[in-house]
Amino acid sequence: MPHSPKEKKAVLTRVRKIKGQMNALEVALEAHADCRAVLQQIAAIRGAINGLMAGVLESHLRQELTNIHPDPAQQQDSIEDAVALIRTYLR
């Protein structure tokens, strides 16, 4: 869950964008759009969902991992390592 008002706004903006993409996909399917266009829209939605997941997960990790190390530099290193690893798997 986003932990700051700025993060919450960003997540809601992404969700609304995805909702718009889903509505456009529905319209395209109902209109018997070309498969190429439909697949492109699905790929865009998948990318948007992955970006949303990465953002929420990053926010969660940053919140949770700040309590692991007493040294702020070690905290930041741990957070950056975890975020980089997770972003690699979400692509």
C-alpha atoms as a PDB file:
ATOM      1  CA  MET A   1       0.000   0.000   0.000  1.00  0.00           C
ATOM      2  CA  PRO A   2       1.371   3.451  -0.827  1.00  0.00           C
ATOM      3  CA  HIS A   3       2.535   5.180   2.340  1.00  0.00           C
ATOM      4  CA  SER A   4       2.521   8.846   1.388  1.00  0.00           C
ATOM      5  CA  PRO A   5      -0.072  11.081  -0.271  1.00  0.00           C
ATOM      6  CA  LYS A   6       2.266  11.516  -3.257  1.00  0.00           C
ATOM      7  CA  GLU A   7       2.653   7.739  -3.680  1.00  0.00           C
ATOM      8  CA  LYS A   8      -1.093   7.211  -3.287  1.00  0.00           C
ATOM      9  CA  LYS A   9      -1.814   9.802  -5.980  1.00  0.00           C
ATOM     10  CA  ALA A  10       0.692   8.174  -8.345  1.00  0.00           C
ATOM     11  CA  VAL A  11      -0.799   4.707  -7.796  1.00  0.00           C
ATOM     12  CA  LEU A  12      -4.349   5.944  -8.348  1.00  0.00           C
ATOM     13  CA  THR A  13      -3.251   7.716 -11.529  1.00  0.00           C
ATOM     14  CA  ARG A  14      -1.761   4.457 -12.825  1.00  0.00           C
ATOM     15  CA  VAL A  15      -4.901   2.510 -11.918  1.00  0.00           C
ATOM     16  CA  ARG A  16      -7.083   5.005 -13.756  1.00  0.00           C
ATOM     17  CA  LYS A  17      -4.835   4.791 -16.807  1.00  0.00           C
ATOM     18  CA  ILE A  18      -5.075   1.006 -16.752  1.00  0.00           C
ATOM     19  CA  LYS A  19      -8.848   1.243 -16.415  1.00  0.00           C
ATOM     20  CA  GLY A  20      -8.919   3.425 -19.528  1.00  0.00           C
ATOM     21  CA  GLN A  21      -6.729   0.947 -21.382  1.00  0.00           C
ATOM     22  CA  MET A  22      -9.024  -1.910 -20.370  1.00  0.00           C
ATOM     23  CA  ASN A  23     -12.070   0.009 -21.575  1.00  0.00           C
ATOM     24  CA  ALA A  24     -10.335   0.666 -24.899  1.00  0.00           C
ATOM     25  CA  LEU A  25      -9.517  -3.036 -25.180  1.00  0.00           C
ATOM     26  CA  GLU A  26     -13.128  -3.962 -24.535  1.00  0.00           C
ATOM     27  CA  VAL A  27     -14.303  -1.549 -27.237  1.00  0.00           C
ATOM     28  CA  ALA A  28     -11.719  -2.931 -29.679  1.00  0.00           C
ATOM     29  CA  LEU A  29     -12.815  -6.501 -29.018  1.00  0.00           C
ATOM     30  CA  GLU A  30     -16.477  -5.632 -29.417  1.00  0.00           C
ATOM     31  CA  ALA A  31     -15.672  -3.883 -32.705  1.00  0.00           C
ATOM     32  CA  HIS A  32     -13.737  -6.917 -34.002  1.00  0.00           C
ATOM     33  CA  ALA A  33     -10.510  -4.915 -34.237  1.00  0.00           C
ATOM     34  CA  ASP A  34      -7.459  -6.310 -35.971  1.00  0.00           C
ATOM     35  CA  CYS A  35      -5.637  -8.907 -33.878  1.00  0.00           C
ATOM     36  CA  ARG A  36      -2.409  -6.941 -34.120  1.00  0.00           C
ATOM     37  CA  ALA A  37      -4.022  -3.882 -32.526  1.00  0.00           C
ATOM     38  CA  VAL A  38      -5.662  -6.005 -29.822  1.00  0.00           C
ATOM     39  CA  LEU A  39      -2.380  -7.714 -28.974  1.00  0.00           C
ATOM     40  CA  GLN A  40      -0.598  -4.378 -28.841  1.00  0.00           C
ATOM     41  CA  GLN A  41      -3.232  -3.074 -26.408  1.00  0.00           C
ATOM     42  CA  ILE A  42      -2.908  -6.195 -24.247  1.00  0.00           C
ATOM     43  CA  ALA A  43       0.879  -5.782 -24.163  1.00  0.00           C
ATOM     44  CA  ALA A  44       0.470  -2.138 -23.117  1.00  0.00           C
ATOM     45  CA  ILE A  45      -1.906  -3.179 -20.325  1.00  0.00           C
ATOM     46  CA  ARG A  46       0.506  -5.864 -19.155  1.00  0.00           C
ATOM     47  CA  GLY A  47       3.318  -3.283 -19.029  1.00  0.00           C
ATOM     48  CA  ALA A  48       1.132  -0.872 -17.088  1.00  0.00           C
ATOM     49  CA  ILE A  49       0.148  -3.588 -14.585  1.00  0.00           C
ATOM     50  CA  ASN A  50       3.798  -4.570 -14.119  1.00  0.00           C
ATOM     51  CA  GLY A  51       4.695  -0.926 -13.524  1.00  0.00           C
ATOM     52  CA  LEU A  52       1.903  -0.610 -10.984  1.00  0.00           C
ATOM     53  CA  MET A  53       3.037  -3.761  -9.204  1.00  0.00           C
ATOM     54  CA  ALA A  54       6.631  -2.575  -9.132  1.00  0.00           C
ATOM     55  CA  GLY A  55       5.660   0.802  -7.707  1.00  0.00           C
ATOM     56  CA  VAL A  56       3.496  -0.620  -4.932  1.00  0.00           C
ATOM     57  CA  LEU A  57       6.071  -3.263  -4.102  1.00  0.00           C
ATOM     58  CA  GLU A  58       8.861  -0.700  -4.034  1.00  0.00           C
ATOM     59  CA  SER A  59       6.870   1.500  -1.676  1.00  0.00           C
ATOM     60  CA  HIS A  60       6.209  -1.456   0.595  1.00  0.00           C
ATOM     61  CA  LEU A  61       9.848  -2.524   0.628  1.00  0.00           C
ATOM     62  CA  ARG A  62      11.089   0.974   1.338  1.00  0.00           C
ATOM     63  CA  GLN A  63       8.710   1.192   4.299  1.00  0.00           C
ATOM     64  CA  GLU A  64       9.498  -2.267   5.665  1.00  0.00           C
ATOM     65  CA  LEU A  65      13.244  -2.382   5.098  1.00  0.00           C
ATOM     66  CA  THR A  66      14.058   0.891   6.807  1.00  0.00           C
ATOM     67  CA  ASN A  67      13.941  -0.911  10.154  1.00  0.00           C
ATOM     68  CA  ILE A  68      16.456  -3.643   9.284  1.00  0.00           C
ATOM     69  CA  HIS A  69      19.809  -1.874   9.817  1.00  0.00           C
ATOM     70  CA  PRO A  70      20.628   0.794  12.383  1.00  0.00           C
ATOM     71  CA  ASP A  71      23.018   2.465   9.899  1.00  0.00           C
ATOM     72  CA  PRO A  72      21.120   4.579   7.317  1.00  0.00           C
ATOM     73  CA  ALA A  73      23.720   3.861   4.617  1.00  0.00           C
ATOM     74  CA  GLN A  74      23.264   0.111   5.085  1.00  0.00           C
ATOM     75  CA  GLN A  75      19.494   0.574   5.047  1.00  0.00           C
ATOM     76  CA  GLN A  76      19.646   2.376   1.731  1.00  0.00           C
ATOM     77  CA  ASP A  77      21.991  -0.245   0.246  1.00  0.00           C
ATOM     78  CA  SER A  78      19.631  -3.039   1.329  1.00  0.00           C
ATOM     79  CA  ILE A  79      16.627  -1.245  -0.112  1.00  0.00           C
ATOM     80  CA  GLU A  80      18.320  -0.504  -3.430  1.00  0.00           C
ATOM     81  CA  ASP A  81      19.498  -4.116  -3.769  1.00  0.00           C
ATOM     82  CA  ALA A  82      16.008  -5.481  -3.087  1.00  0.00           C
ATOM     83  CA  VAL A  83      14.327  -3.013  -5.455  1.00  0.00           C
ATOM     84  CA  ALA A  84      16.803  -3.755  -8.259  1.00  0.00           C
ATOM     85  CA  LEU A  85      16.309  -7.483  -7.877  1.00  0.00           C
ATOM     86  CA  ILE A  86      12.523  -7.241  -7.874  1.00  0.00           C
ATOM     87  CA  ARG A  87      12.430  -4.848 -10.826  1.00  0.00           C
ATOM     88  CA  THR A  88      14.507  -7.361 -12.776  1.00  0.00           C
ATOM     89  CA  TYR A  89      11.894 -10.079 -12.241  1.00  0.00           C
ATOM     90  CA  LEU A  90       8.930  -7.828 -13.006  1.00  0.00           C
ATOM     91  CA  ARG A  91      10.102  -6.903 -16.516  1.00  0.00           C
END
